[in-house]
Amino acid sequence: MNPYIEILRPGNAMMGAIAIILIAIIDKTISIPIILAMLTVFFETAAGNVINDYFDYNIDLINKPERPIPSGRISLQAGRNYGYLLFLLGTVCGFLISYITHNWIPFAIVLISDVILYLYAYKLKATPLIGNLAVGFMTGFGFVFGGFTINNPTIISTSIYLGFFAFVMTTAREIIKDIEDIEGDKSEGARTLPILIGDKIPALIAVALIIIDCALCPLLYYNHIFGIFYLFVIAIAVILFIYSAILILKSRDPDTAHKSSKLLKIGMLIAFVAFVFGSI
């Protein structure tokens, strides 16, 4: 794969854009602002991935040496400039949304996202728990961004609900990923939660967050946000969430943490599919 595509982590960036697609499906609408919103989230997520790899160069030499920058396929300077270009593209798309809709909240959200994504890569990632919360917040922010792009009060309320779900589960996954990466983070002097207090309490926090989201899942049906089909599909996601929690409770070695994190990601994708089925 071309290193300039690989460094975007396109699957991850597309997953961010899925938030906009889901909100559009729920509202049963498609428009130029929605398409621009999808591009915005893709560019912003990709920019965050690239600038994160730029600042994480030394850590990735240990944890992920095959990535484009530590492997030497992209230079540090080229990676930094590429990240800046992606931020610019996302910001321009956000401006166009607000210009077309005469609603400047989406543009404000993009500007806030620029700052948070950069600060996360530069400083927040190595800050205990705050870095995890920042990633979760940005994931949930995508749904809220979609809601304000459509600018329908009902859709805005739904987007905030879905954003909270994504925020909680993503934060849990980020904590588990810190457990997975503890050795590389130690070598770089990072101050993640597992390094500071050990891996047991962070694992318990992650499990508590997973349980909270599992408990929230049925409410999307009982509050009439989604239909009956949602319950059948979300049940599969909940099973994966619970299994992931059981794994990290039993063992916190890097391989188990990696498997737990992967299961959470798959579960979230299935949850997104449940949102679609629930809108039918």
Protein backbone atom coordinates (compact mmCIF):
# COMPACT_ATOMS: atom_id res chain seq x y z
CA MET A 1 0.00 0.00 0.00
CA ASN A 2 1.18 3.53 -0.77
CA PRO A 3 2.60 4.93 2.50
CA TYR A 4 0.68 8.21 2.09
CA ILE A 5 -2.56 6.23 2.03
CA GLU A 6 -1.48 3.81 4.73
CA ILE A 7 -0.60 6.59 7.19
CA LEU A 8 -4.15 7.94 6.93
CA ARG A 9 -5.42 4.65 8.37
CA PRO A 10 -8.27 4.94 5.84
CA GLY A 11 -10.40 2.31 7.57
CA ASN A 12 -10.23 4.31 10.79
CA ALA A 13 -10.95 7.57 8.95
CA MET A 14 -13.89 6.00 7.11
CA MET A 15 -15.25 4.73 10.44
CA GLY A 16 -15.33 8.35 11.57
CA ALA A 17 -17.23 9.35 8.44
CA ILE A 18 -19.73 6.56 9.12
CA ALA A 19 -21.08 8.70 11.97
CA ILE A 20 -22.28 11.24 9.40
CA ILE A 21 -23.74 8.52 7.17
CA LEU A 22 -25.67 7.09 10.12
CA ILE A 23 -27.10 10.47 11.07
CA ALA A 24 -28.13 11.03 7.42
CA ILE A 25 -29.82 7.60 7.32
CA ILE A 26 -31.68 8.32 10.55
CA ASP A 27 -32.91 11.61 9.10
CA LYS A 28 -33.52 9.92 5.72
CA THR A 29 -31.79 12.76 3.90
CA ILE A 30 -28.84 13.43 1.60
CA SER A 31 -27.47 16.83 0.63
CA ILE A 32 -24.31 18.71 -0.31
CA PRO A 33 -23.68 19.67 3.36
CA ILE A 34 -23.94 15.99 4.36
CA ILE A 35 -21.40 14.99 1.69
CA LEU A 36 -19.12 17.80 2.83
CA ALA A 37 -19.57 16.67 6.44
CA MET A 38 -18.43 13.15 5.48
CA LEU A 39 -15.34 14.61 3.80
CA THR A 40 -14.71 16.85 6.80
CA VAL A 41 -14.72 13.98 9.27
CA PHE A 42 -12.56 11.85 6.97
CA PHE A 43 -9.96 14.61 6.55
CA GLU A 44 -9.97 15.55 10.23
CA THR A 45 -9.63 11.93 11.41
CA ALA A 46 -6.89 11.29 8.86
CA ALA A 47 -5.11 14.49 9.91
CA GLY A 48 -5.24 13.39 13.54
CA ASN A 49 -3.79 9.99 12.60
CA VAL A 50 -0.95 11.52 10.60
CA ILE A 51 0.04 14.18 13.13
CA ASN A 52 -0.18 11.56 15.87
CA ASP A 53 2.31 9.38 13.97
CA TYR A 54 4.57 12.42 13.59
CA PHE A 55 4.69 13.08 17.34
CA ASP A 56 4.79 9.34 18.18
CA TYR A 57 7.84 8.62 16.04
CA ASN A 58 10.05 7.40 18.90
CA ILE A 59 7.30 5.33 20.52
CA ASP A 60 6.35 3.74 17.21
CA LEU A 61 9.96 2.70 16.62
CA ILE A 62 9.24 0.20 19.43
CA ASN A 63 5.49 -0.42 19.27
CA LYS A 64 4.75 -0.07 15.53
CA PRO A 65 8.06 0.02 13.57
CA GLU A 66 6.27 -1.01 10.37
CA ARG A 67 4.31 2.26 10.15
CA PRO A 68 5.27 4.67 7.32
CA ILE A 69 7.25 7.21 9.40
CA PRO A 70 9.29 4.91 11.70
CA SER A 71 9.96 2.58 8.74
CA GLY A 72 11.42 5.53 6.80
CA ARG A 73 8.93 5.40 3.95
CA ILE A 74 7.76 8.90 4.88
CA SER A 75 10.12 11.45 6.41
CA LEU A 76 9.24 13.26 9.63
CA GLN A 77 8.96 16.61 7.87
CA ALA A 78 6.80 15.20 5.06
CA GLY A 79 4.53 13.54 7.62
CA ARG A 80 4.09 16.79 9.54
CA ASN A 81 3.30 18.79 6.38
CA TYR A 82 0.90 16.10 5.19
CA GLY A 83 -0.96 16.32 8.49
CA TYR A 84 -1.22 20.11 8.19
CA LEU A 85 -2.63 19.78 4.65
CA LEU A 86 -5.31 17.36 5.83
CA PHE A 87 -6.28 19.71 8.68
CA LEU A 88 -6.62 22.51 6.12
CA LEU A 89 -8.83 20.39 3.84
CA GLY A 90 -11.10 19.44 6.75
CA THR A 91 -11.37 23.05 7.90
CA VAL A 92 -12.24 24.28 4.40
CA CYS A 93 -14.98 21.65 4.09
CA GLY A 94 -16.35 22.71 7.49
CA PHE A 95 -16.40 26.34 6.39
CA LEU A 96 -18.30 25.43 3.21
CA ILE A 97 -20.94 23.57 5.24
CA SER A 98 -21.58 26.63 7.40
CA TYR A 99 -21.50 28.97 4.40
CA ILE A 100 -24.11 26.88 2.56
CA THR A 101 -26.41 26.30 5.54
CA HIS A 102 -25.92 29.75 7.17
CA ASN A 103 -25.29 27.86 10.39
CA TRP A 104 -21.83 28.47 11.84
CA ILE A 105 -21.94 25.79 14.53
CA PRO A 106 -20.49 23.07 12.22
CA PHE A 107 -17.52 25.31 11.37
CA ALA A 108 -16.98 26.05 15.07
CA ILE A 109 -17.01 22.30 15.78
CA VAL A 110 -14.33 21.75 13.12
CA LEU A 111 -12.12 24.50 14.56
CA ILE A 112 -12.47 23.00 18.05
CA SER A 113 -11.64 19.59 16.57
CA ASP A 114 -8.48 20.96 14.94
CA VAL A 115 -7.23 22.19 18.31
CA ILE A 116 -8.14 19.03 20.25
CA LEU A 117 -6.65 16.66 17.67
CA TYR A 118 -3.39 18.58 17.55
CA LEU A 119 -3.14 18.93 21.33
CA TYR A 120 -3.92 15.24 21.73
CA ALA A 121 -1.03 14.24 19.48
CA TYR A 122 1.32 16.84 20.99
CA LYS A 123 0.58 16.53 24.72
CA LEU A 124 -2.73 14.99 25.76
CA LYS A 125 -2.01 11.44 24.62
CA ALA A 126 0.62 11.05 27.32
CA THR A 127 -1.63 12.60 29.99
CA PRO A 128 -3.27 10.00 32.26
CA LEU A 129 -6.92 9.41 31.32
CA ILE A 130 -7.27 12.88 29.71
CA GLY A 131 -5.82 11.53 26.48
CA ASN A 132 -8.26 8.61 26.50
CA LEU A 133 -11.18 10.96 27.14
CA ALA A 134 -10.02 13.25 24.32
CA VAL A 135 -10.16 10.41 21.77
CA GLY A 136 -13.56 9.30 23.05
CA PHE A 137 -14.83 12.88 22.93
CA MET A 138 -13.70 13.34 19.34
CA THR A 139 -15.37 10.09 18.26
CA GLY A 140 -18.66 11.16 19.81
CA PHE A 141 -18.21 14.67 18.42
CA GLY A 142 -18.58 13.24 14.90
CA PHE A 143 -22.22 12.33 15.57
CA VAL A 144 -22.93 15.74 17.07
CA PHE A 145 -21.29 17.39 14.05
CA GLY A 146 -23.63 15.43 11.78
CA GLY A 147 -26.65 16.47 13.84
CA PHE A 148 -25.80 20.17 13.64
CA THR A 149 -25.04 19.87 9.92
CA ILE A 150 -28.62 18.70 9.36
CA ASN A 151 -29.76 21.21 12.00
CA ASN A 152 -33.00 19.43 12.88
CA PRO A 153 -33.77 19.62 16.65
CA THR A 154 -34.85 15.96 16.82
CA ILE A 155 -31.78 14.80 14.92
CA ILE A 156 -29.52 16.96 17.09
CA SER A 157 -30.92 15.27 20.22
CA THR A 158 -30.42 11.82 18.68
CA SER A 159 -26.89 12.69 17.57
CA ILE A 160 -25.98 13.74 21.11
CA TYR A 161 -27.30 10.42 22.46
CA LEU A 162 -25.34 8.42 19.88
CA GLY A 163 -22.31 10.63 20.45
CA PHE A 164 -22.37 9.78 24.15
CA PHE A 165 -22.54 6.06 23.34
CA ALA A 166 -19.51 6.38 21.04
CA PHE A 167 -17.66 8.51 23.59
CA VAL A 168 -18.03 5.96 26.39
CA MET A 169 -17.09 2.88 24.33
CA THR A 170 -14.18 4.59 22.57
CA THR A 171 -12.78 5.77 25.91
CA ALA A 172 -12.93 2.18 27.19
CA ARG A 173 -11.10 0.94 24.09
CA GLU A 174 -8.42 3.62 24.39
CA ILE A 175 -7.72 2.61 28.00
CA ILE A 176 -7.34 -1.02 26.91
CA LYS A 177 -5.01 0.06 24.09
CA ASP A 178 -2.85 1.79 26.72
CA ILE A 179 -2.60 -1.53 28.53
CA GLU A 180 -1.56 -3.16 25.25
CA ASP A 181 1.13 -0.52 24.56
CA ILE A 182 2.49 -0.21 28.08
CA GLU A 183 6.06 -1.37 27.28
CA GLY A 184 6.61 1.03 24.39
CA ASP A 185 5.00 3.88 26.30
CA LYS A 186 7.29 3.22 29.28
CA SER A 187 10.39 3.41 27.11
CA GLU A 188 9.32 6.84 25.86
CA GLY A 189 8.52 8.14 29.34
CA ALA A 190 4.78 8.45 28.68
CA ARG A 191 2.52 8.85 31.71
CA THR A 192 -0.49 6.77 30.76
CA LEU A 193 -2.84 5.45 33.43
CA PRO A 194 -1.55 1.83 33.33
CA ILE A 195 2.02 3.07 33.75
CA LEU A 196 1.18 5.27 36.74
CA ILE A 197 -1.12 2.98 38.71
CA GLY A 198 -0.70 -0.44 37.15
CA ASP A 199 -3.02 -2.18 34.69
CA LYS A 200 -5.65 -3.58 37.09
CA ILE A 201 -7.57 -0.37 37.93
CA PRO A 202 -7.54 0.92 34.30
CA ALA A 203 -8.92 -2.46 33.21
CA LEU A 204 -11.71 -2.14 35.79
CA ILE A 205 -12.48 1.40 34.58
CA ALA A 206 -12.68 0.15 30.99
CA VAL A 207 -14.99 -2.69 32.02
CA ALA A 208 -17.24 -0.28 33.95
CA LEU A 209 -17.53 1.94 30.84
CA ILE A 210 -18.34 -1.08 28.68
CA ILE A 211 -21.09 -2.12 31.10
CA ILE A 212 -22.54 1.42 31.07
CA ASP A 213 -22.79 1.37 27.27
CA CYS A 214 -24.30 -2.13 27.25
CA ALA A 215 -26.94 -0.92 29.72
CA LEU A 216 -27.66 2.13 27.53
CA CYS A 217 -28.17 0.13 24.33
CA PRO A 218 -31.81 -0.92 24.93
CA LEU A 219 -32.78 2.68 25.77
CA LEU A 220 -32.37 3.65 22.12
CA TYR A 221 -35.29 1.33 21.40
CA TYR A 222 -37.42 2.12 24.45
CA ASN A 223 -37.07 5.85 23.80
CA HIS A 224 -38.38 5.23 20.26
CA ILE A 225 -35.17 6.37 18.58
CA PHE A 226 -34.82 3.02 16.77
CA GLY A 227 -37.22 0.25 15.77
CA ILE A 228 -37.38 -3.41 16.76
CA PHE A 229 -34.74 -4.57 14.24
CA TYR A 230 -32.20 -2.54 16.19
CA LEU A 231 -32.56 -4.84 19.22
CA PHE A 232 -31.70 -7.98 17.25
CA VAL A 233 -28.50 -6.55 15.77
CA ILE A 234 -27.33 -4.65 18.85
CA ALA A 235 -27.57 -7.89 20.85
CA ILE A 236 -24.63 -9.23 18.79
CA ALA A 237 -22.59 -6.12 19.59
CA VAL A 238 -23.42 -6.40 23.29
CA ILE A 239 -22.20 -10.02 23.34
CA LEU A 240 -18.87 -8.91 21.84
CA PHE A 241 -18.62 -6.03 24.31
CA ILE A 242 -19.20 -8.32 27.28
CA TYR A 243 -16.75 -10.94 25.96
CA SER A 244 -14.14 -8.20 25.50
CA ALA A 245 -14.69 -7.11 29.11
CA ILE A 246 -14.32 -10.70 30.37
CA LEU A 247 -11.05 -11.10 28.45
CA ILE A 248 -9.42 -7.97 29.92
CA LEU A 249 -10.59 -8.94 33.40
CA LYS A 250 -8.98 -12.38 33.10
CA SER A 251 -5.67 -11.25 31.65
CA ARG A 252 -4.00 -7.95 30.87
CA ASP A 253 -1.04 -9.14 28.81
CA PRO A 254 -0.47 -7.27 25.49
CA ASP A 255 -1.93 -10.03 23.29
CA THR A 256 -5.14 -10.28 25.32
CA ALA A 257 -5.46 -6.48 25.46
CA HIS A 258 -5.04 -6.37 21.68
CA LYS A 259 -7.78 -8.99 21.22
CA SER A 260 -10.08 -7.18 23.63
CA SER A 261 -9.52 -3.88 21.82
CA LYS A 262 -10.19 -5.50 18.45
CA LEU A 263 -13.43 -7.05 19.68
CA LEU A 264 -14.61 -3.66 20.92
CA LYS A 265 -13.91 -2.14 17.52
CA ILE A 266 -15.84 -4.91 15.75
CA GLY A 267 -18.67 -4.52 18.25
CA MET A 268 -18.86 -0.79 17.57
CA LEU A 269 -19.08 -1.44 13.83
CA ILE A 270 -21.93 -3.88 14.46
CA ALA A 271 -23.59 -1.27 16.70
CA PHE A 272 -23.43 1.18 13.78
CA VAL A 273 -25.13 -1.43 11.59
CA ALA A 274 -27.77 -1.78 14.32
CA PHE A 275 -28.39 1.98 14.11
CA VAL A 276 -29.07 1.56 10.38
CA PHE A 277 -31.43 -1.39 10.85
CA GLY A 278 -33.17 0.48 13.64
CA SER A 279 -33.92 3.33 11.25
CA ILE A 280 -35.71 1.11 8.74
